[in-house]
């Protein structure tokens, strides 16, 4: 993306995108640790990922006030 294109992005939107990316990365790292510990199986992956994701979003919301 060129500098002129980057300047056209709404700063609030850019912040939200970066926050979402960080939430997804943290969720992934936690789920990977659960997999390594044998706590998550391929059949439970989707459910666990969603639960961890929602927990992180909820924690972020509580601490962002």
N, C-alpha and C. Protein backbone atom coordinates (compact mmCIF):
# COMPACT_ATOMS: atom_id res chain seq x y z
N UNK A 1 0.84 -1.16 0.00
CA UNK A 1 0.00 0.00 0.00
C UNK A 1 0.89 1.23 0.00
N UNK A 2 0.63 2.16 -0.88
CA UNK A 2 1.44 3.37 -0.95
C UNK A 2 1.06 4.32 0.18
N UNK A 3 1.92 5.29 0.43
CA UNK A 3 1.66 6.25 1.50
C UNK A 3 0.38 7.03 1.28
N UNK A 4 0.08 7.38 0.03
CA UNK A 4 -1.14 8.14 -0.24
C UNK A 4 -2.38 7.31 0.04
N UNK A 5 -2.32 6.03 -0.24
CA UNK A 5 -3.45 5.16 0.06
C UNK A 5 -3.58 4.97 1.57
N UNK A 6 -2.47 4.83 2.27
CA UNK A 6 -2.50 4.61 3.71
C UNK A 6 -3.08 5.83 4.44
N UNK A 7 -2.82 7.03 3.97
CA UNK A 7 -3.32 8.24 4.61
C UNK A 7 -4.84 8.35 4.49
N UNK A 8 -5.45 7.69 3.53
CA UNK A 8 -6.89 7.77 3.33
C UNK A 8 -7.67 6.87 4.29
N UNK A 9 -6.98 6.01 5.03
CA UNK A 9 -7.66 5.11 5.96
C UNK A 9 -8.05 5.90 7.21
N UNK A 10 -9.28 5.70 7.65
CA UNK A 10 -9.78 6.32 8.86
C UNK A 10 -8.97 5.80 10.05
N UNK A 11 -8.41 6.69 10.88
CA UNK A 11 -7.59 6.24 12.01
C UNK A 11 -8.33 5.31 12.96
N UNK A 12 -9.63 5.56 13.19
CA UNK A 12 -10.41 4.67 14.06
C UNK A 12 -10.55 3.29 13.45
N UNK A 13 -10.76 3.25 12.15
CA UNK A 13 -10.88 1.97 11.45
C UNK A 13 -9.55 1.22 11.50
N UNK A 14 -8.46 1.95 11.30
CA UNK A 14 -7.13 1.36 11.34
C UNK A 14 -6.85 0.77 12.72
N UNK A 15 -7.21 1.50 13.77
CA UNK A 15 -7.03 1.02 15.14
C UNK A 15 -7.85 -0.24 15.38
N UNK A 16 -9.09 -0.24 14.93
CA UNK A 16 -9.95 -1.42 15.10
C UNK A 16 -9.39 -2.63 14.37
N UNK A 17 -8.86 -2.41 13.18
CA UNK A 17 -8.26 -3.52 12.43
C UNK A 17 -7.04 -4.07 13.14
N UNK A 18 -6.21 -3.18 13.69
CA UNK A 18 -5.02 -3.64 14.43
C UNK A 18 -5.42 -4.38 15.71
N UNK A 19 -6.46 -3.88 16.39
CA UNK A 19 -6.94 -4.57 17.60
C UNK A 19 -7.48 -5.95 17.26
N UNK A 20 -8.25 -6.04 16.18
CA UNK A 20 -8.80 -7.33 15.76
C UNK A 20 -7.68 -8.31 15.41
N UNK A 21 -6.66 -7.82 14.72
CA UNK A 21 -5.52 -8.67 14.37
C UNK A 21 -4.82 -9.17 15.64
N UNK A 22 -4.65 -8.28 16.61
CA UNK A 22 -4.00 -8.67 17.86
C UNK A 22 -4.84 -9.69 18.63
N UNK A 23 -6.14 -9.50 18.67
CA UNK A 23 -7.03 -10.44 19.34
C UNK A 23 -6.94 -11.82 18.67
N UNK A 24 -6.93 -11.86 17.36
CA UNK A 24 -6.81 -13.13 16.65
C UNK A 24 -5.46 -13.80 16.93
N UNK A 25 -4.39 -13.03 16.97
CA UNK A 25 -3.06 -13.59 17.25
C UNK A 25 -2.99 -14.17 18.66
N UNK A 26 -3.52 -13.43 19.64
CA UNK A 26 -3.52 -13.91 21.02
C UNK A 26 -4.37 -15.17 21.14
N UNK A 27 -5.53 -15.17 20.51
CA UNK A 27 -6.40 -16.35 20.52
C UNK A 27 -5.67 -17.54 19.94
N UNK A 28 -5.01 -17.34 18.82
CA UNK A 28 -4.26 -18.43 18.18
C UNK A 28 -3.18 -18.98 19.10
N UNK A 29 -2.42 -18.09 19.73
CA UNK A 29 -1.35 -18.53 20.63
C UNK A 29 -1.88 -19.34 21.79
N UNK A 30 -2.99 -18.91 22.37
CA UNK A 30 -3.58 -19.65 23.49
C UNK A 30 -4.07 -21.02 23.03
N UNK A 31 -4.76 -21.07 21.90
CA UNK A 31 -5.27 -22.35 21.40
C UNK A 31 -4.12 -23.28 21.02
N UNK A 32 -3.05 -22.74 20.45
CA UNK A 32 -1.87 -23.56 20.13
C UNK A 32 -1.30 -24.17 21.40
N UNK A 33 -1.23 -23.39 22.47
CA UNK A 33 -0.73 -23.93 23.75
C UNK A 33 -1.65 -25.05 24.25
N UNK A 34 -2.96 -24.86 24.12
CA UNK A 34 -3.90 -25.90 24.52
C UNK A 34 -3.69 -27.17 23.68
N UNK A 35 -3.44 -27.00 22.40
CA UNK A 35 -3.18 -28.15 21.52
C UNK A 35 -1.92 -28.86 21.97
N UNK A 36 -0.86 -28.10 22.24
CA UNK A 36 0.40 -28.69 22.69
C UNK A 36 0.25 -29.45 23.99
N UNK A 37 -0.64 -28.98 24.86
CA UNK A 37 -0.87 -29.64 26.14
C UNK A 37 -1.85 -30.81 26.02
N UNK A 38 -2.42 -31.00 24.83
CA UNK A 38 -3.38 -32.09 24.62
C UNK A 38 -4.78 -31.77 25.10
N UNK A 39 -5.07 -30.50 25.34
CA UNK A 39 -6.39 -30.09 25.83
C UNK A 39 -7.39 -29.84 24.70
N UNK A 40 -6.88 -29.68 23.48
CA UNK A 40 -7.74 -29.41 22.32
C UNK A 40 -7.47 -30.47 21.27
N UNK A 41 -8.55 -31.02 20.73
CA UNK A 41 -8.46 -32.00 19.66
C UNK A 41 -9.01 -31.38 18.38
N UNK A 42 -8.75 -32.00 17.24
CA UNK A 42 -9.31 -31.45 15.99
C UNK A 42 -10.84 -31.30 16.03
N UNK A 43 -11.50 -32.20 16.73
CA UNK A 43 -12.97 -32.09 16.78
C UNK A 43 -13.45 -30.96 17.69
N UNK A 44 -12.64 -30.56 18.66
CA UNK A 44 -13.07 -29.49 19.57
C UNK A 44 -12.44 -28.14 19.22
N UNK A 45 -11.60 -28.10 18.19
CA UNK A 45 -10.86 -26.88 17.85
C UNK A 45 -11.78 -25.69 17.63
N UNK A 46 -12.78 -25.84 16.80
CA UNK A 46 -13.65 -24.70 16.45
C UNK A 46 -14.35 -24.14 17.68
N UNK A 47 -14.88 -25.02 18.51
CA UNK A 47 -15.58 -24.59 19.71
C UNK A 47 -14.62 -23.88 20.68
N UNK A 48 -13.45 -24.45 20.90
CA UNK A 48 -12.48 -23.87 21.82
C UNK A 48 -11.98 -22.53 21.28
N UNK A 49 -11.68 -22.45 19.99
CA UNK A 49 -11.20 -21.19 19.41
C UNK A 49 -12.24 -20.10 19.63
N UNK A 50 -13.50 -20.41 19.37
CA UNK A 50 -14.57 -19.42 19.53
C UNK A 50 -14.70 -18.98 20.99
N UNK A 51 -14.62 -19.92 21.92
CA UNK A 51 -14.72 -19.58 23.35
C UNK A 51 -13.56 -18.70 23.80
N UNK A 52 -12.35 -19.05 23.38
CA UNK A 52 -11.18 -18.24 23.75
C UNK A 52 -11.29 -16.85 23.13
N UNK A 53 -11.69 -16.79 21.87
CA UNK A 53 -11.85 -15.50 21.18
C UNK A 53 -12.84 -14.61 21.92
N UNK A 54 -14.01 -15.17 22.25
CA UNK A 54 -15.04 -14.39 22.95
C UNK A 54 -14.56 -13.93 24.32
N UNK A 55 -13.81 -14.78 25.00
CA UNK A 55 -13.27 -14.42 26.31
C UNK A 55 -12.31 -13.25 26.20
N UNK A 56 -11.44 -13.27 25.21
CA UNK A 56 -10.48 -12.18 25.02
C UNK A 56 -11.19 -10.89 24.65
N UNK A 57 -12.17 -10.97 23.77
CA UNK A 57 -12.94 -9.77 23.38
C UNK A 57 -13.66 -9.20 24.60
N UNK A 58 -14.23 -10.07 25.41
CA UNK A 58 -14.93 -9.63 26.61
C UNK A 58 -13.97 -8.97 27.60
N UNK A 59 -12.81 -9.56 27.79
CA UNK A 59 -11.81 -8.98 28.70
C UNK A 59 -11.35 -7.62 28.18
N UNK A 60 -11.13 -7.51 26.88
CA UNK A 60 -10.71 -6.24 26.29
C UNK A 60 -11.78 -5.18 26.52
N UNK A 61 -13.03 -5.55 26.33
CA UNK A 61 -14.13 -4.60 26.51
C UNK A 61 -14.21 -4.12 27.96
N UNK A 62 -14.05 -5.04 28.90
CA UNK A 62 -14.11 -4.67 30.32
C UNK A 62 -12.97 -3.73 30.71
N UNK A 63 -11.80 -3.93 30.12
CA UNK A 63 -10.64 -3.13 30.49
C UNK A 63 -10.45 -1.88 29.63
N UNK A 64 -11.29 -1.69 28.64
CA UNK A 64 -11.18 -0.52 27.75
C UNK A 64 -12.04 0.64 28.22
N UNK A 65 -12.81 0.44 29.24
CA UNK A 65 -13.76 1.49 29.68
C UNK A 65 -13.08 2.61 30.37
